Amino acid sequence: MWGFMSTLVDKIISGRDLTFNLEFQRDEESGWFAVHVVELPGCVSEGATIEEATVNVANALESYMEVLLQTAIRSQAGRESLLAVESPVIQTAKLRLRPRFEVRA
């Protein structure tokens, strides 16, 4: 998995657009939507609507990438945890974003 993360770090630094696959689950009790980024275990968010969940996961992605860059700079590979999802996937999507933060050495 570090090979993928290393490639992702290179793409982040280059400033290229990044595309991620999203999976949405709906909580039957609350009606809220949980969303996770397929390629990035542990990168999850939620929202009252799919649109809100998408905006929230975009923010989570930025934070995830910041941490990934900090880890790469320090040359430390972190352990990944897998999200156990028991609800059926009700929708999938792709999200393209351009990181807005600056890379500083």
C-alpha atoms as a PDB file:
ATOM      1  CA  MET A   1       0.000   0.000   0.000  1.00  0.00           C
ATOM      2  CA  TRP A   2       2.924   2.394   0.607  1.00  0.00           C
ATOM      3  CA  GLY A   3       3.641   2.273  -3.167  1.00  0.00           C
ATOM      4  CA  PHE A   4       0.175   3.716  -3.803  1.00  0.00           C
ATOM      5  CA  MET A   5       0.660   6.288  -1.045  1.00  0.00           C
ATOM      6  CA  SER A   6       4.039   7.298  -2.481  1.00  0.00           C
ATOM      7  CA  THR A   7       2.429   7.802  -5.893  1.00  0.00           C
ATOM      8  CA  LEU A   8      -0.354   9.809  -4.252  1.00  0.00           C
ATOM      9  CA  VAL A   9       2.208  12.021  -2.494  1.00  0.00           C
ATOM     10  CA  ASP A  10       3.897  12.665  -5.851  1.00  0.00           C
ATOM     11  CA  LYS A  11       0.542  13.663  -7.381  1.00  0.00           C
ATOM     12  CA  ILE A  12      -0.273  15.954  -4.444  1.00  0.00           C
ATOM     13  CA  ILE A  13       3.090  17.702  -4.729  1.00  0.00           C
ATOM     14  CA  SER A  14       2.680  18.128  -8.496  1.00  0.00           C
ATOM     15  CA  GLY A  15      -0.639  19.943  -7.981  1.00  0.00           C
ATOM     16  CA  ARG A  16      -2.482  17.678 -10.424  1.00  0.00           C
ATOM     17  CA  ASP A  17      -6.178  16.978 -10.015  1.00  0.00           C
ATOM     18  CA  LEU A  18      -6.860  13.832  -8.024  1.00  0.00           C
ATOM     19  CA  THR A  19      -9.801  11.489  -8.545  1.00  0.00           C
ATOM     20  CA  PHE A  20     -11.111   9.239  -5.778  1.00  0.00           C
ATOM     21  CA  ASN A  21     -13.907   6.681  -5.632  1.00  0.00           C
ATOM     22  CA  LEU A  22     -16.557   7.294  -2.985  1.00  0.00           C
ATOM     23  CA  GLU A  23     -19.039   4.835  -1.481  1.00  0.00           C
ATOM     24  CA  PHE A  24     -22.134   6.004   0.362  1.00  0.00           C
ATOM     25  CA  GLN A  25     -24.199   4.137   2.944  1.00  0.00           C
ATOM     26  CA  ARG A  26     -27.412   5.400   4.475  1.00  0.00           C
ATOM     27  CA  ASP A  27     -28.007   4.945   8.190  1.00  0.00           C
ATOM     28  CA  GLU A  28     -31.539   3.588   8.453  1.00  0.00           C
ATOM     29  CA  GLU A  29     -32.135   5.067  11.915  1.00  0.00           C
ATOM     30  CA  SER A  30     -30.886   8.625  11.391  1.00  0.00           C
ATOM     31  CA  GLY A  31     -31.278   8.890   7.620  1.00  0.00           C
ATOM     32  CA  TRP A  32     -27.767  10.359   7.382  1.00  0.00           C
ATOM     33  CA  PHE A  33     -25.282   9.312   4.725  1.00  0.00           C
ATOM     34  CA  ALA A  34     -21.857   7.921   5.568  1.00  0.00           C
ATOM     35  CA  VAL A  35     -19.226   8.170   2.841  1.00  0.00           C
ATOM     36  CA  HIS A  36     -15.766   6.684   2.612  1.00  0.00           C
ATOM     37  CA  VAL A  37     -12.957   7.045   0.105  1.00  0.00           C
ATOM     38  CA  VAL A  38     -12.320   3.596  -1.350  1.00  0.00           C
ATOM     39  CA  GLU A  39      -8.605   4.182  -1.958  1.00  0.00           C
ATOM     40  CA  LEU A  40      -7.891   5.690   1.474  1.00  0.00           C
ATOM     41  CA  PRO A  41      -8.824   3.450   4.409  1.00  0.00           C
ATOM     42  CA  GLY A  42     -10.055   5.507   7.330  1.00  0.00           C
ATOM     43  CA  CYS A  43     -10.944   8.566   5.230  1.00  0.00           C
ATOM     44  CA  VAL A  44     -14.645   8.884   6.058  1.00  0.00           C
ATOM     45  CA  SER A  45     -17.297  11.493   6.708  1.00  0.00           C
ATOM     46  CA  GLU A  46     -21.056  11.898   6.845  1.00  0.00           C
ATOM     47  CA  GLY A  47     -23.841  14.332   6.052  1.00  0.00           C
ATOM     48  CA  ALA A  48     -27.593  14.773   6.140  1.00  0.00           C
ATOM     49  CA  THR A  49     -27.628  14.558   2.313  1.00  0.00           C
ATOM     50  CA  ILE A  50     -25.315  12.953  -0.234  1.00  0.00           C
ATOM     51  CA  GLU A  51     -24.239  16.434  -1.318  1.00  0.00           C
ATOM     52  CA  GLU A  52     -23.365  17.443   2.252  1.00  0.00           C
ATOM     53  CA  ALA A  53     -21.521  14.163   2.798  1.00  0.00           C
ATOM     54  CA  THR A  54     -19.525  14.807  -0.403  1.00  0.00           C
ATOM     55  CA  VAL A  55     -18.509  18.295   0.749  1.00  0.00           C
ATOM     56  CA  ASN A  56     -17.576  16.940   4.174  1.00  0.00           C
ATOM     57  CA  VAL A  57     -15.480  14.096   2.732  1.00  0.00           C
ATOM     58  CA  ALA A  58     -13.668  16.587   0.470  1.00  0.00           C
ATOM     59  CA  ASN A  59     -12.616  18.422   3.648  1.00  0.00           C
ATOM     60  CA  ALA A  60     -11.615  15.114   5.226  1.00  0.00           C
ATOM     61  CA  LEU A  61      -9.558  14.312   2.115  1.00  0.00           C
ATOM     62  CA  GLU A  62      -7.618  17.549   2.429  1.00  0.00           C
ATOM     63  CA  SER A  63      -6.803  16.749   6.053  1.00  0.00           C
ATOM     64  CA  TYR A  64      -5.887  13.185   5.124  1.00  0.00           C
ATOM     65  CA  MET A  65      -3.516  14.445   2.412  1.00  0.00           C
ATOM     66  CA  GLU A  66      -1.893  16.948   4.778  1.00  0.00           C
ATOM     67  CA  VAL A  67      -1.140  14.162   7.227  1.00  0.00           C
ATOM     68  CA  LEU A  68       0.084  11.948   4.396  1.00  0.00           C
ATOM     69  CA  LEU A  69       2.493  14.667   3.265  1.00  0.00           C
ATOM     70  CA  GLN A  70       3.764  15.218   6.797  1.00  0.00           C
ATOM     71  CA  THR A  71       4.314  11.490   7.144  1.00  0.00           C
ATOM     72  CA  ALA A  72       6.135  11.296   3.815  1.00  0.00           C
ATOM     73  CA  ILE A  73       8.334  14.247   4.737  1.00  0.00           C
ATOM     74  CA  ARG A  74       9.296  12.511   7.972  1.00  0.00           C
ATOM     75  CA  SER A  75       9.744   9.225   6.052  1.00  0.00           C
ATOM     76  CA  GLN A  76       7.454   7.387   8.433  1.00  0.00           C
ATOM     77  CA  ALA A  77       4.829   5.047   7.094  1.00  0.00           C
ATOM     78  CA  GLY A  78       1.780   4.955   9.361  1.00  0.00           C
ATOM     79  CA  ARG A  79      -0.382   1.962   9.938  1.00  0.00           C
ATOM     80  CA  GLU A  80      -3.696   1.899   8.146  1.00  0.00           C
ATOM     81  CA  SER A  81      -6.913   0.771   9.673  1.00  0.00           C
ATOM     82  CA  LEU A  82      -9.754  -0.639   7.668  1.00  0.00           C
ATOM     83  CA  LEU A  83     -13.287   0.624   8.041  1.00  0.00           C
ATOM     84  CA  ALA A  84     -15.748  -2.186   8.619  1.00  0.00           C
ATOM     85  CA  VAL A  85     -18.929  -1.328   6.782  1.00  0.00           C
ATOM     86  CA  GLU A  86     -22.022  -3.361   7.493  1.00  0.00           C
ATOM     87  CA  SER A  87     -24.591  -1.259   5.619  1.00  0.00           C
ATOM     88  CA  PRO A  88     -25.119  -1.939   1.911  1.00  0.00           C
ATOM     89  CA  VAL A  89     -23.595   0.540  -0.517  1.00  0.00           C
ATOM     90  CA  ILE A  90     -26.458   2.597  -1.966  1.00  0.00           C
ATOM     91  CA  GLN A  91     -24.490   4.865  -4.273  1.00  0.00           C
ATOM     92  CA  THR A  92     -20.984   5.317  -5.591  1.00  0.00           C
ATOM     93  CA  ALA A  93     -19.324   8.399  -7.060  1.00  0.00           C
ATOM     94  CA  LYS A  94     -16.011   9.845  -8.136  1.00  0.00           C
ATOM     95  CA  LEU A  95     -14.648  13.022  -6.585  1.00  0.00           C
ATOM     96  CA  ARG A  96     -12.002  15.143  -8.291  1.00  0.00           C
ATOM     97  CA  LEU A  97     -10.236  17.833  -6.349  1.00  0.00           C
ATOM     98  CA  ARG A  98      -7.122  19.936  -6.462  1.00  0.00           C
ATOM     99  CA  PRO A  99      -5.324  20.308  -3.135  1.00  0.00           C
ATOM    100  CA  ARG A 100      -5.499  23.925  -1.931  1.00  0.00           C
ATOM    101  CA  PHE A 101      -2.739  23.851   0.613  1.00  0.00           C
ATOM    102  CA  GLU A 102       0.907  24.743   0.028  1.00  0.00           C
ATOM    103  CA  VAL A 103       3.690  22.203   0.248  1.00  0.00           C
ATOM    104  CA  ARG A 104       6.565  23.543   2.345  1.00  0.00           C
ATOM    105  CA  ALA A 105       9.890  21.846   2.852  1.00  0.00           C
END
